[in-house]
Amino acid sequence: MIVYYFTSAKYGIDNLKNRHLKVSNFSNVNDPFELLGIELRDKDVRKAVTFDKSKISKKYGLLCFSEDKYNPVQWAHYADNHKGVCLGFEIPEKKLRKVKYVAERLARETLDQPDCNEKLLTTKFNHWSYEQERRLIIDLNSNSINGGGLRFEDFNEDMALKEVYIGCKSELEFSNISSFYKSGDKSGDKSVITKITRPSFRDFRIVWDQSKKSERT
C-alpha cells in the first residue's frame, strides 16, 4: 500500500539526497502518552507499564506514515505549514501497524494479555485520529548510528519511494526534486512522480494542482 510521510523542505531534500528516513525514538515523539495507553492510577501498574515502555524504547524505533495525503492539518503540522513535502512510499501492508484511536485509556488488565506490547505500540487518544497513522516498527539493532547519534532507515524494496508532493506554500520546484533524486542513480531506485499541490476548490482538502501537470524522475 502507499503511505505518506510529511516533512519540511530541508529534511525532505536531505531524505531524497541520502535516500533514507530518520528513525524516531519512542521517548522523543510528540505524544506524551506514547506507550502509556493503559490506565495508570495503580502504582504497580504504573511501574510495570513504565518498565515496558523503557524496554520497548531501547529495542525499537518507528517511522510514522499516514494513509491520507490530502489532510490540510497534516500538512500544517508536519510539513512546515505547507512549505514542505509529502513523500509517498509503497510498503507491504503486513509490515505496517495500523494505529487504533480510543476515547479512554486501556484497562489495567491489558497488562496480562498476550498482545499487551502490540496494544501499547498501536494505541493513541482519538483526538489524533486525523493522522490516520500507519507505523513501521524498526529494530534499532539493524540500523547504524551516524555522527550525530541518529538512526536512519534506507529506502529499499519494502519502503520504495513512489511519489513526491510539494506543499502549496513551498518555494521548491520540480528541479529541486529531480536534482537530488534520479531513478537509476542507485541500485533499485524506481521512477518517482512529483506533483505540486493546492487547496481544493470544492472541499477542505489539499489536492494536486493539475494546471502544473507533473514530472517523473
N, C-alpha and C. Protein backbone atom coordinates (compact mmCIF):
# COMPACT_ATOMS: atom_id res chain seq x y z
N MET A 1 0.85 -1.19 0.00
CA MET A 1 0.00 0.00 0.00
C MET A 1 0.89 1.25 0.00
N ILE A 2 0.30 2.39 -0.46
CA ILE A 2 1.02 3.65 -0.46
C ILE A 2 0.67 4.41 0.82
N VAL A 3 1.70 4.82 1.55
CA VAL A 3 1.52 5.62 2.76
C VAL A 3 2.41 6.85 2.65
N TYR A 4 2.12 7.87 3.46
CA TYR A 4 2.68 9.19 3.23
C TYR A 4 3.44 9.73 4.45
N TYR A 5 4.59 10.32 4.13
CA TYR A 5 5.50 10.85 5.14
C TYR A 5 5.64 12.35 4.92
N PHE A 6 5.20 13.15 5.90
CA PHE A 6 5.24 14.60 5.80
C PHE A 6 6.50 15.14 6.48
N THR A 7 7.14 16.12 5.85
CA THR A 7 8.34 16.70 6.44
C THR A 7 8.60 18.08 5.84
N SER A 8 9.55 18.80 6.42
CA SER A 8 9.89 20.13 5.93
C SER A 8 10.66 20.02 4.60
N ALA A 9 10.81 21.15 3.93
CA ALA A 9 11.56 21.17 2.68
C ALA A 9 13.01 20.75 2.91
N LYS A 10 13.62 21.28 3.95
CA LYS A 10 15.03 20.97 4.23
C LYS A 10 15.24 19.48 4.44
N TYR A 11 14.44 18.91 5.35
CA TYR A 11 14.62 17.49 5.63
C TYR A 11 14.13 16.62 4.49
N GLY A 12 13.15 17.11 3.76
CA GLY A 12 12.69 16.36 2.60
C GLY A 12 13.78 16.22 1.55
N ILE A 13 14.48 17.31 1.28
CA ILE A 13 15.59 17.25 0.33
C ILE A 13 16.71 16.36 0.86
N ASP A 14 17.01 16.46 2.16
CA ASP A 14 18.02 15.59 2.76
C ASP A 14 17.63 14.12 2.59
N ASN A 15 16.35 13.82 2.81
CA ASN A 15 15.89 12.44 2.67
C ASN A 15 16.04 11.95 1.24
N LEU A 16 15.72 12.80 0.28
CA LEU A 16 15.85 12.41 -1.12
C LEU A 16 17.31 12.25 -1.51
N LYS A 17 18.12 13.16 -1.06
CA LYS A 17 19.55 13.12 -1.40
C LYS A 17 20.22 11.87 -0.85
N ASN A 18 19.89 11.54 0.39
CA ASN A 18 20.54 10.40 1.06
C ASN A 18 19.73 9.12 0.98
N ARG A 19 18.52 9.22 0.43
CA ARG A 19 17.64 8.06 0.26
C ARG A 19 17.41 7.32 1.58
N HIS A 20 16.98 8.08 2.56
CA HIS A 20 16.68 7.48 3.86
C HIS A 20 15.68 8.35 4.62
N LEU A 21 15.11 7.78 5.70
CA LEU A 21 14.26 8.49 6.64
C LEU A 21 14.83 8.33 8.04
N LYS A 22 14.71 9.39 8.84
CA LYS A 22 15.21 9.32 10.22
C LYS A 22 14.25 8.49 11.07
N VAL A 23 14.81 7.55 11.81
CA VAL A 23 14.03 6.71 12.71
C VAL A 23 13.77 7.47 14.01
N SER A 24 12.50 7.56 14.40
CA SER A 24 12.14 8.25 15.64
C SER A 24 12.29 7.32 16.83
N ASN A 25 12.60 7.92 17.97
CA ASN A 25 12.67 7.20 19.23
C ASN A 25 11.36 7.39 19.98
N PHE A 26 10.82 6.34 20.55
CA PHE A 26 9.55 6.44 21.25
C PHE A 26 9.58 7.46 22.38
N SER A 27 10.74 7.68 22.97
CA SER A 27 10.83 8.62 24.09
C SER A 27 10.86 10.07 23.65
N ASN A 28 10.97 10.31 22.33
CA ASN A 28 11.09 11.69 21.84
C ASN A 28 9.98 12.12 20.90
N VAL A 29 8.93 11.33 20.77
CA VAL A 29 7.83 11.71 19.88
C VAL A 29 6.95 12.76 20.55
N ASN A 30 6.01 13.34 19.78
CA ASN A 30 5.28 14.50 20.29
C ASN A 30 4.08 14.16 21.16
N ASP A 31 3.79 12.89 21.37
CA ASP A 31 2.67 12.49 22.21
C ASP A 31 3.20 12.00 23.56
N PRO A 32 2.93 12.72 24.67
CA PRO A 32 3.45 12.29 25.98
C PRO A 32 2.83 11.00 26.49
N PHE A 33 1.76 10.54 25.85
CA PHE A 33 1.11 9.29 26.25
C PHE A 33 1.61 8.10 25.43
N GLU A 34 2.66 8.31 24.62
CA GLU A 34 3.18 7.23 23.78
C GLU A 34 3.61 6.04 24.64
N LEU A 35 3.12 4.85 24.30
CA LEU A 35 3.38 3.59 25.00
C LEU A 35 2.80 3.59 26.42
N LEU A 36 1.96 4.57 26.73
CA LEU A 36 1.36 4.67 28.06
C LEU A 36 -0.17 4.66 27.96
N GLY A 37 -0.68 3.88 27.04
CA GLY A 37 -2.12 3.87 26.78
C GLY A 37 -2.96 3.19 27.84
N ILE A 38 -2.32 2.52 28.79
CA ILE A 38 -3.06 1.83 29.86
C ILE A 38 -3.34 2.80 31.02
N GLU A 39 -4.46 2.65 31.65
CA GLU A 39 -4.83 3.47 32.81
C GLU A 39 -3.86 3.19 33.96
N LEU A 40 -3.27 4.24 34.55
CA LEU A 40 -2.10 4.09 35.41
C LEU A 40 -2.30 4.55 36.86
N ARG A 41 -3.53 4.58 37.35
CA ARG A 41 -3.71 5.06 38.73
C ARG A 41 -3.08 4.12 39.76
N ASP A 42 -3.06 2.84 39.46
CA ASP A 42 -2.44 1.87 40.36
C ASP A 42 -0.92 1.97 40.26
N LYS A 43 -0.25 2.08 41.39
CA LYS A 43 1.20 2.28 41.41
C LYS A 43 1.94 1.11 40.76
N ASP A 44 1.49 -0.12 41.04
CA ASP A 44 2.17 -1.30 40.47
C ASP A 44 1.99 -1.36 38.95
N VAL A 45 0.79 -1.00 38.50
CA VAL A 45 0.55 -0.96 37.05
C VAL A 45 1.43 0.10 36.41
N ARG A 46 1.50 1.25 37.05
CA ARG A 46 2.33 2.34 36.53
C ARG A 46 3.79 1.91 36.42
N LYS A 47 4.27 1.20 37.42
CA LYS A 47 5.65 0.73 37.41
C LYS A 47 5.87 -0.28 36.28
N ALA A 48 4.92 -1.19 36.10
CA ALA A 48 5.05 -2.22 35.07
C ALA A 48 5.01 -1.61 33.67
N VAL A 49 4.09 -0.68 33.44
CA VAL A 49 3.97 -0.06 32.12
C VAL A 49 5.20 0.80 31.81
N THR A 50 5.70 1.50 32.82
CA THR A 50 6.90 2.30 32.63
C THR A 50 8.09 1.42 32.28
N PHE A 51 8.16 0.26 32.91
CA PHE A 51 9.23 -0.69 32.59
C PHE A 51 9.10 -1.19 31.16
N ASP A 52 7.87 -1.53 30.75
CA ASP A 52 7.65 -2.00 29.39
C ASP A 52 7.99 -0.91 28.37
N LYS A 53 7.64 0.34 28.68
CA LYS A 53 7.97 1.44 27.77
C LYS A 53 9.48 1.57 27.59
N SER A 54 10.21 1.48 28.70
CA SER A 54 11.67 1.58 28.64
C SER A 54 12.26 0.44 27.81
N LYS A 55 11.73 -0.75 28.01
CA LYS A 55 12.22 -1.94 27.30
C LYS A 55 11.95 -1.83 25.80
N ILE A 56 10.75 -1.41 25.43
CA ILE A 56 10.39 -1.26 24.02
C ILE A 56 11.22 -0.16 23.38
N SER A 57 11.40 0.97 24.09
CA SER A 57 12.12 2.11 23.53
C SER A 57 13.58 1.80 23.26
N LYS A 58 14.16 0.91 24.07
CA LYS A 58 15.56 0.55 23.86
C LYS A 58 15.74 -0.39 22.67
N LYS A 59 14.71 -1.14 22.35
CA LYS A 59 14.81 -2.15 21.30
C LYS A 59 14.29 -1.66 19.96
N TYR A 60 13.26 -0.78 19.98
CA TYR A 60 12.58 -0.41 18.74
C TYR A 60 12.48 1.11 18.56
N GLY A 61 12.52 1.52 17.31
CA GLY A 61 12.16 2.87 16.91
C GLY A 61 10.99 2.78 15.96
N LEU A 62 10.60 3.90 15.36
CA LEU A 62 9.45 3.86 14.47
C LEU A 62 9.56 4.93 13.38
N LEU A 63 8.90 4.63 12.28
CA LEU A 63 8.65 5.60 11.22
C LEU A 63 7.14 5.77 11.12
N CYS A 64 6.69 7.01 11.11
CA CYS A 64 5.26 7.30 11.13
C CYS A 64 4.79 7.77 9.76
N PHE A 65 3.79 7.11 9.23
CA PHE A 65 3.21 7.45 7.94
C PHE A 65 1.71 7.69 8.12
N SER A 66 1.11 8.26 7.11
CA SER A 66 -0.33 8.47 7.12
C SER A 66 -0.95 7.81 5.89
N GLU A 67 -2.20 7.40 6.02
CA GLU A 67 -2.93 6.90 4.87
C GLU A 67 -3.44 8.03 3.99
N ASP A 68 -3.39 9.28 4.50
CA ASP A 68 -4.06 10.40 3.85
C ASP A 68 -3.06 11.51 3.47
N LYS A 69 -2.92 11.76 2.19
CA LYS A 69 -2.05 12.85 1.73
C LYS A 69 -2.82 14.15 1.52
N TYR A 70 -4.12 14.14 1.71
CA TYR A 70 -4.95 15.29 1.39
C TYR A 70 -5.28 16.17 2.60
N ASN A 71 -5.00 15.71 3.81
CA ASN A 71 -5.44 16.41 5.01
C ASN A 71 -4.62 17.69 5.24
N PRO A 72 -5.25 18.87 5.24
CA PRO A 72 -4.51 20.12 5.41
C PRO A 72 -3.88 20.26 6.80
N VAL A 73 -4.45 19.59 7.80
CA VAL A 73 -3.88 19.66 9.15
C VAL A 73 -2.55 18.91 9.20
N GLN A 74 -2.47 17.78 8.53
CA GLN A 74 -1.21 17.05 8.41
C GLN A 74 -0.14 17.93 7.77
N TRP A 75 -0.52 18.59 6.70
CA TRP A 75 0.43 19.47 6.01
C TRP A 75 0.88 20.60 6.92
N ALA A 76 -0.04 21.16 7.68
CA ALA A 76 0.29 22.27 8.56
C ALA A 76 1.21 21.83 9.70
N HIS A 77 0.90 20.70 10.31
CA HIS A 77 1.65 20.25 11.49
C HIS A 77 3.00 19.64 11.15
N TYR A 78 3.07 18.86 10.09
CA TYR A 78 4.27 18.06 9.85
C TYR A 78 5.06 18.45 8.60
N ALA A 79 4.51 19.33 7.78
CA ALA A 79 5.21 19.75 6.56
C ALA A 79 5.42 21.26 6.57
N ASP A 80 5.77 21.78 7.75
CA ASP A 80 6.17 23.18 7.88
C ASP A 80 5.14 24.13 7.30
N ASN A 81 3.89 23.93 7.74
CA ASN A 81 2.80 24.82 7.32
C ASN A 81 2.69 24.92 5.80
N HIS A 82 2.70 23.74 5.17
CA HIS A 82 2.51 23.61 3.72
C HIS A 82 3.73 24.06 2.90
N LYS A 83 4.83 24.37 3.57
CA LYS A 83 6.04 24.77 2.84
C LYS A 83 6.96 23.58 2.58
N GLY A 84 6.61 22.42 3.11
CA GLY A 84 7.43 21.23 2.97
C GLY A 84 6.95 20.29 1.88
N VAL A 85 7.17 19.00 2.11
CA VAL A 85 6.82 17.98 1.13
C VAL A 85 6.14 16.80 1.79
N CYS A 86 5.50 16.01 0.96
CA CYS A 86 4.90 14.75 1.39
C CYS A 86 5.47 13.66 0.47
N LEU A 87 6.09 12.67 1.07
CA LEU A 87 6.71 11.58 0.31
C LEU A 87 5.82 10.34 0.40
N GLY A 88 5.48 9.79 -0.75
CA GLY A 88 4.64 8.60 -0.79
C GLY A 88 5.48 7.35 -0.98
N PHE A 89 5.35 6.39 -0.08
CA PHE A 89 6.13 5.15 -0.13
C PHE A 89 5.20 3.95 -0.30
N GLU A 90 5.65 3.00 -1.10
CA GLU A 90 4.96 1.72 -1.19
C GLU A 90 5.60 0.77 -0.21
N ILE A 91 4.79 0.33 0.76
CA ILE A 91 5.26 -0.56 1.83
C ILE A 91 4.26 -1.71 1.94
N PRO A 92 4.73 -2.95 2.04
CA PRO A 92 3.79 -4.07 2.21
C PRO A 92 2.91 -3.85 3.44
N GLU A 93 1.62 -3.99 3.26
CA GLU A 93 0.69 -3.70 4.36
C GLU A 93 0.96 -4.55 5.59
N LYS A 94 1.44 -5.77 5.39
CA LYS A 94 1.70 -6.65 6.52
C LYS A 94 2.82 -6.14 7.41
N LYS A 95 3.66 -5.24 6.89
CA LYS A 95 4.75 -4.69 7.68
C LYS A 95 4.34 -3.45 8.48
N LEU A 96 3.16 -2.92 8.19
CA LEU A 96 2.71 -1.69 8.83
C LEU A 96 1.72 -1.99 9.95
N ARG A 97 1.89 -1.28 11.06
CA ARG A 97 0.92 -1.36 12.15
C ARG A 97 -0.10 -0.23 12.00
N LYS A 98 -1.36 -0.57 12.07
CA LYS A 98 -2.42 0.43 12.00
C LYS A 98 -2.73 0.92 13.41
N VAL A 99 -2.62 2.22 13.62
CA VAL A 99 -2.88 2.78 14.94
C VAL A 99 -4.38 2.75 15.24
N LYS A 100 -4.71 2.35 16.47
CA LYS A 100 -6.10 2.34 16.92
C LYS A 100 -6.29 3.54 17.84
N TYR A 101 -7.33 4.33 17.55
CA TYR A 101 -7.60 5.54 18.33
C TYR A 101 -8.76 5.28 19.30
N VAL A 102 -8.55 5.63 20.56
CA VAL A 102 -9.52 5.30 21.60
C VAL A 102 -9.86 6.54 22.41
N ALA A 103 -11.07 6.55 22.98
CA ALA A 103 -11.51 7.67 23.81
C ALA A 103 -11.04 7.54 25.24
N GLU A 104 -10.88 6.32 25.71
CA GLU A 104 -10.47 6.06 27.08
C GLU A 104 -9.21 5.20 27.10
N ARG A 105 -8.42 5.34 28.13
CA ARG A 105 -7.22 4.52 28.25
C ARG A 105 -7.59 3.06 28.48
N LEU A 106 -6.70 2.17 28.06
CA LEU A 106 -6.96 0.74 28.15
C LEU A 106 -7.03 0.30 29.61
N ALA A 107 -7.82 -0.74 29.85
CA ALA A 107 -7.98 -1.26 31.21
C ALA A 107 -6.67 -1.85 31.71
N ARG A 108 -6.49 -1.84 33.02
CA ARG A 108 -5.26 -2.36 33.64
C ARG A 108 -5.02 -3.82 33.30
N GLU A 109 -6.11 -4.56 33.08
CA GLU A 109 -6.00 -5.98 32.76
C GLU A 109 -5.26 -6.22 31.43
N THR A 110 -5.12 -5.17 30.64
CA THR A 110 -4.40 -5.30 29.37
C THR A 110 -2.98 -5.82 29.60
N LEU A 111 -2.40 -5.49 30.74
CA LEU A 111 -1.04 -5.94 31.07
C LEU A 111 -0.91 -7.45 31.07
N ASP A 112 -1.99 -8.15 31.36
CA ASP A 112 -1.95 -9.60 31.45
C ASP A 112 -2.27 -10.29 30.13
N GLN A 113 -2.56 -9.52 29.11
CA GLN A 113 -2.93 -10.10 27.82
C GLN A 113 -1.69 -10.35 26.96
N PRO A 114 -1.70 -11.42 26.16
CA PRO A 114 -0.51 -11.76 25.37
C PRO A 114 -0.14 -10.71 24.33
N ASP A 115 -1.11 -9.90 23.90
CA ASP A 115 -0.83 -8.87 22.90
C ASP A 115 -0.65 -7.49 23.54
N CYS A 116 -0.26 -7.45 24.80
CA CYS A 116 -0.12 -6.18 25.52
C CYS A 116 0.83 -5.23 24.80
N ASN A 117 2.02 -5.71 24.46
CA ASN A 117 3.01 -4.83 23.82
C ASN A 117 2.51 -4.30 22.48
N GLU A 118 1.80 -5.14 21.75
CA GLU A 118 1.24 -4.70 20.47
C GLU A 118 0.24 -3.58 20.69
N LYS A 119 -0.58 -3.70 21.73
CA LYS A 119 -1.55 -2.65 22.03
C LYS A 119 -0.85 -1.37 22.48
N LEU A 120 0.22 -1.51 23.25
CA LEU A 120 0.97 -0.32 23.66
C LEU A 120 1.56 0.39 22.44
N LEU A 121 2.01 -0.38 21.48
CA LEU A 121 2.64 0.18 20.28
C LEU A 121 1.65 0.89 19.36
N THR A 122 0.38 0.54 19.45
CA THR A 122 -0.57 1.00 18.43
C THR A 122 -1.79 1.71 18.98
N THR A 123 -1.78 2.11 20.24
CA THR A 123 -2.93 2.79 20.82
C THR A 123 -2.63 4.27 21.06
N LYS A 124 -3.55 5.13 20.55
CA LYS A 124 -3.42 6.57 20.77
C LYS A 124 -4.81 7.16 21.08
N PHE A 125 -4.80 8.31 21.72
CA PHE A 125 -6.03 9.03 22.04
C PHE A 125 -6.72 9.44 20.74
N ASN A 126 -8.05 9.39 20.72
CA ASN A 126 -8.76 9.56 19.46
C ASN A 126 -8.69 10.96 18.86
N HIS A 127 -8.19 11.94 19.60
CA HIS A 127 -8.01 13.27 19.02
C HIS A 127 -6.88 13.28 17.98
N TRP A 128 -6.07 12.21 17.95
CA TRP A 128 -5.02 12.08 16.95
C TRP A 128 -5.53 11.37 15.69
N SER A 129 -6.78 11.05 15.64
CA SER A 129 -7.27 10.17 14.57
C SER A 129 -7.16 10.80 13.18
N TYR A 130 -7.09 12.14 13.11
CA TYR A 130 -6.95 12.78 11.80
C TYR A 130 -5.67 12.34 11.09
N GLU A 131 -4.70 11.83 11.85
CA GLU A 131 -3.44 11.41 11.24
C GLU A 131 -3.57 10.13 10.42
N GLN A 132 -4.57 9.30 10.73
CA GLN A 132 -4.74 8.00 10.05
C GLN A 132 -3.38 7.29 9.96
N GLU A 133 -2.77 7.11 11.09
CA GLU A 133 -1.36 6.69 11.14
C GLU A 133 -1.17 5.20 10.90
N ARG A 134 -0.13 4.93 10.15
CA ARG A 134 0.42 3.58 10.00
C ARG A 134 1.87 3.63 10.44
N ARG A 135 2.29 2.66 11.22
CA ARG A 135 3.64 2.67 11.78
C ARG A 135 4.49 1.54 11.22
N LEU A 136 5.71 1.89 10.92
CA LEU A 136 6.71 0.89 10.57
C LEU A 136 7.65 0.80 11.76
N ILE A 137 7.62 -0.33 12.45
CA ILE A 137 8.44 -0.53 13.65
C ILE A 137 9.83 -1.00 13.21
N ILE A 138 10.85 -0.33 13.71
CA ILE A 138 12.23 -0.57 13.29
C ILE A 138 13.04 -1.16 14.43
N ASP A 139 13.70 -2.27 14.16
CA ASP A 139 14.62 -2.87 15.13
C ASP A 139 15.88 -2.00 15.18
N LEU A 140 16.14 -1.38 16.31
CA LEU A 140 17.27 -0.45 16.41
C LEU A 140 18.61 -1.13 16.20
N ASN A 141 18.68 -2.42 16.43
CA ASN A 141 19.94 -3.13 16.23
C ASN A 141 20.30 -3.28 14.76
N SER A 142 19.31 -3.02 13.88
CA SER A 142 19.56 -3.19 12.45
C SER A 142 20.01 -1.89 11.79
N ASN A 143 20.10 -0.80 12.56
CA ASN A 143 20.46 0.50 12.00
C ASN A 143 21.73 1.03 12.63
N SER A 144 22.64 1.50 11.81
CA SER A 144 23.86 2.11 12.32
C SER A 144 23.57 3.53 12.78
N ILE A 145 24.36 4.03 13.71
CA ILE A 145 24.19 5.37 14.26
C ILE A 145 25.19 6.30 13.57
N ASN A 146 24.72 7.46 13.13
CA ASN A 146 25.64 8.40 12.48
C ASN A 146 26.34 9.26 13.53
N GLY A 147 27.14 10.20 13.08
CA GLY A 147 27.94 11.01 13.99
C GLY A 147 27.11 11.84 14.95
N GLY A 148 25.86 12.15 14.57
CA GLY A 148 25.00 12.92 15.45
C GLY A 148 24.16 12.08 16.38
N GLY A 149 24.40 10.77 16.40
CA GLY A 149 23.64 9.88 17.26
C GLY A 149 22.27 9.51 16.72
N LEU A 150 22.03 9.76 15.44
CA LEU A 150 20.74 9.47 14.82
C LEU A 150 20.79 8.18 14.04
N ARG A 151 19.62 7.54 13.93
CA ARG A 151 19.49 6.33 13.12
C ARG A 151 18.61 6.61 11.91
N PHE A 152 18.92 5.94 10.80
CA PHE A 152 18.16 6.14 9.57
C PHE A 152 17.82 4.79 8.95
N GLU A 153 16.68 4.76 8.28
CA GLU A 153 16.26 3.59 7.52
C GLU A 153 16.37 3.95 6.04
N ASP A 154 17.18 3.18 5.31
CA ASP A 154 17.38 3.46 3.89
C ASP A 154 16.15 3.08 3.07
N PHE A 155 15.89 3.82 2.00
CA PHE A 155 14.88 3.40 1.04
C PHE A 155 15.26 2.00 0.55
N ASN A 156 14.28 1.13 0.39
CA ASN A 156 14.55 -0.24 -0.03
C ASN A 156 13.33 -0.82 -0.71
N GLU A 157 13.39 -2.09 -1.08
CA GLU A 157 12.27 -2.71 -1.80
C GLU A 157 10.99 -2.72 -0.98
N ASP A 158 11.12 -2.76 0.34
CA ASP A 158 9.95 -2.76 1.21
C ASP A 158 9.59 -1.36 1.70
N MET A 159 10.31 -0.35 1.26
CA MET A 159 9.98 1.04 1.54
C MET A 159 10.42 1.86 0.33
N ALA A 160 9.67 1.70 -0.75
CA ALA A 160 10.06 2.24 -2.05
C ALA A 160 9.37 3.58 -2.31
N LEU A 161 10.17 4.61 -2.55
CA LEU A 161 9.62 5.93 -2.86
C LEU A 161 8.89 5.89 -4.20
N LYS A 162 7.65 6.39 -4.21
CA LYS A 162 6.84 6.39 -5.43
C LYS A 162 6.38 7.79 -5.83
N GLU A 163 6.13 8.65 -4.85
CA GLU A 163 5.52 9.95 -5.13
C GLU A 163 6.16 11.03 -4.27
N VAL A 164 6.21 12.25 -4.80
CA VAL A 164 6.61 13.43 -4.03
C VAL A 164 5.57 14.51 -4.29
N TYR A 165 4.98 15.03 -3.22
CA TYR A 165 4.05 16.14 -3.32
C TYR A 165 4.69 17.38 -2.69
N ILE A 166 4.70 18.47 -3.44
CA ILE A 166 5.28 19.72 -2.97
C ILE A 166 4.16 20.58 -2.38
N GLY A 167 4.38 21.11 -1.16
CA GLY A 167 3.36 21.89 -0.48
C GLY A 167 2.93 23.13 -1.24
N CYS A 168 1.68 23.55 -1.00
CA CYS A 168 1.12 24.66 -1.77
C CYS A 168 1.75 26.01 -1.42
N LYS A 169 2.49 26.09 -0.30
CA LYS A 169 3.21 27.32 0.05
C LYS A 169 4.72 27.16 -0.10
N SER A 170 5.13 26.06 -0.68
CA SER A 170 6.56 25.76 -0.77
C SER A 170 7.23 26.56 -1.89
N GLU A 171 8.50 26.87 -1.68
CA GLU A 171 9.32 27.50 -2.72
C GLU A 171 10.04 26.46 -3.57
N LEU A 172 9.87 25.19 -3.24
CA LEU A 172 10.50 24.13 -4.02
C LEU A 172 9.88 24.04 -5.41
N GLU A 173 10.69 23.63 -6.37
CA GLU A 173 10.24 23.42 -7.73
C GLU A 173 10.58 22.00 -8.16
N PHE A 174 10.07 21.60 -9.32
CA PHE A 174 10.37 20.26 -9.82
C PHE A 174 11.88 20.01 -9.88
N SER A 175 12.63 21.02 -10.28
CA SER A 175 14.08 20.86 -10.43
C SER A 175 14.78 20.56 -9.11
N ASN A 176 14.22 21.07 -7.99
CA ASN A 176 14.80 20.77 -6.69
C ASN A 176 14.70 19.29 -6.35
N ILE A 177 13.61 18.68 -6.79
CA ILE A 177 13.42 17.25 -6.53
C ILE A 177 14.30 16.42 -7.46
N SER A 178 14.24 16.71 -8.76
CA SER A 178 14.97 15.89 -9.73
C SER A 178 16.48 16.02 -9.57
N SER A 179 16.96 17.15 -9.04
CA SER A 179 18.40 17.31 -8.88
C SER A 179 18.96 16.44 -7.77
N PHE A 180 18.09 16.03 -6.83
CA PHE A 180 18.57 15.20 -5.73
C PHE A 180 18.09 13.76 -5.79
N TYR A 181 17.11 13.49 -6.64
CA TYR A 181 16.64 12.11 -6.77
C TYR A 181 16.42 11.80 -8.24
N LYS A 182 17.23 10.92 -8.78
CA LYS A 182 17.09 10.45 -10.15
C LYS A 182 17.01 8.93 -10.12
N SER A 183 15.98 8.38 -10.74
CA SER A 183 15.87 6.92 -10.78
C SER A 183 17.06 6.36 -11.52
N GLY A 184 17.59 5.27 -11.00
CA GLY A 184 18.74 4.63 -11.61
C GLY A 184 20.06 5.09 -11.06
N ASP A 185 20.05 6.17 -10.22
CA ASP A 185 21.31 6.64 -9.63
C ASP A 185 21.91 5.57 -8.73
N LYS A 186 21.03 4.81 -8.07
CA LYS A 186 21.49 3.73 -7.20
C LYS A 186 20.70 2.48 -7.54
N SER A 187 21.29 1.35 -7.20
CA SER A 187 20.64 0.08 -7.50
C SER A 187 19.27 0.01 -6.82
N GLY A 188 18.27 -0.32 -7.58
CA GLY A 188 16.93 -0.49 -7.02
C GLY A 188 16.07 0.76 -7.05
N ASP A 189 16.64 1.93 -7.39
CA ASP A 189 15.86 3.15 -7.46
C ASP A 189 14.78 3.03 -8.53
N LYS A 190 13.59 3.48 -8.20
CA LYS A 190 12.48 3.43 -9.13
C LYS A 190 12.09 4.84 -9.58
N SER A 191 11.38 4.92 -10.69
CA SER A 191 10.88 6.20 -11.16
C SER A 191 9.88 6.78 -10.17
N VAL A 192 9.99 8.09 -9.92
CA VAL A 192 9.15 8.76 -8.93
C VAL A 192 8.42 9.91 -9.59
N ILE A 193 7.12 10.05 -9.31
CA ILE A 193 6.33 11.14 -9.86
C ILE A 193 6.24 12.28 -8.84
N THR A 194 6.43 13.51 -9.30
CA THR A 194 6.37 14.69 -8.44
C THR A 194 5.21 15.58 -8.87
N LYS A 195 4.44 16.05 -7.88
CA LYS A 195 3.29 16.90 -8.15
C LYS A 195 3.31 18.09 -7.19
N ILE A 196 2.78 19.21 -7.66
CA ILE A 196 2.61 20.40 -6.83
C ILE A 196 1.16 20.45 -6.36
N THR A 197 0.94 20.88 -5.14
CA THR A 197 -0.40 20.85 -4.56
C THR A 197 -1.02 22.25 -4.48
N ARG A 198 -2.32 22.25 -4.22
CA ARG A 198 -3.07 23.49 -3.97
C ARG A 198 -4.27 23.14 -3.10
N PRO A 199 -4.89 24.15 -2.45
CA PRO A 199 -6.15 23.88 -1.75
C PRO A 199 -7.25 23.55 -2.77
N SER A 200 -8.07 22.58 -2.42
CA SER A 200 -9.17 22.19 -3.29
C SER A 200 -10.18 23.33 -3.43
N PHE A 201 -10.81 23.42 -4.60
CA PHE A 201 -11.86 24.40 -4.81
C PHE A 201 -13.21 23.91 -4.27
N ARG A 202 -13.32 22.61 -4.02
CA ARG A 202 -14.62 22.02 -3.68
C ARG A 202 -14.78 21.72 -2.20
N ASP A 203 -13.68 21.29 -1.54
CA ASP A 203 -13.79 20.89 -0.15
C ASP A 203 -12.50 21.22 0.58
N PHE A 204 -12.43 20.83 1.86
CA PHE A 204 -11.28 21.17 2.68
C PHE A 204 -10.19 20.10 2.56
N ARG A 205 -9.58 20.04 1.38
CA ARG A 205 -8.51 19.09 1.14
C ARG A 205 -7.39 19.78 0.38
N ILE A 206 -6.23 19.16 0.44
CA ILE A 206 -5.10 19.57 -0.37
C ILE A 206 -5.02 18.60 -1.54
N VAL A 207 -4.97 19.14 -2.77
CA VAL A 207 -5.03 18.28 -3.95
C VAL A 207 -3.90 18.63 -4.92
N TRP A 208 -3.72 17.78 -5.89
CA TRP A 208 -2.75 18.01 -6.95
C TRP A 208 -3.21 19.17 -7.82
N ASP A 209 -2.33 20.13 -8.03
CA ASP A 209 -2.60 21.25 -8.92
C ASP A 209 -2.34 20.80 -10.36
N GLN A 210 -3.38 20.35 -11.03
CA GLN A 210 -3.22 19.76 -12.36
C GLN A 210 -2.84 20.79 -13.42
N SER A 211 -3.01 22.08 -13.12
CA SER A 211 -2.58 23.10 -14.08
C SER A 211 -1.06 23.12 -14.23
N LYS A 212 -0.37 22.54 -13.22
CA LYS A 212 1.10 22.47 -13.27
C LYS A 212 1.59 21.08 -13.65
N LYS A 213 0.66 20.27 -14.10
CA LYS A 213 0.98 18.93 -14.57
C LYS A 213 1.78 18.16 -13.52
N SER A 214 2.72 17.36 -13.93
CA SER A 214 3.55 16.60 -13.02
C SER A 214 4.85 16.24 -13.75
N GLU A 215 5.83 15.80 -13.01
CA GLU A 215 7.08 15.39 -13.62
C GLU A 215 7.50 14.05 -13.03
N ARG A 216 8.17 13.26 -13.84
CA ARG A 216 8.66 11.97 -13.37
C ARG A 216 10.17 11.96 -13.48
N THR A 217 10.82 11.48 -12.42
CA THR A 217 12.28 11.43 -12.42
C THR A 217 12.75 9.99 -12.43
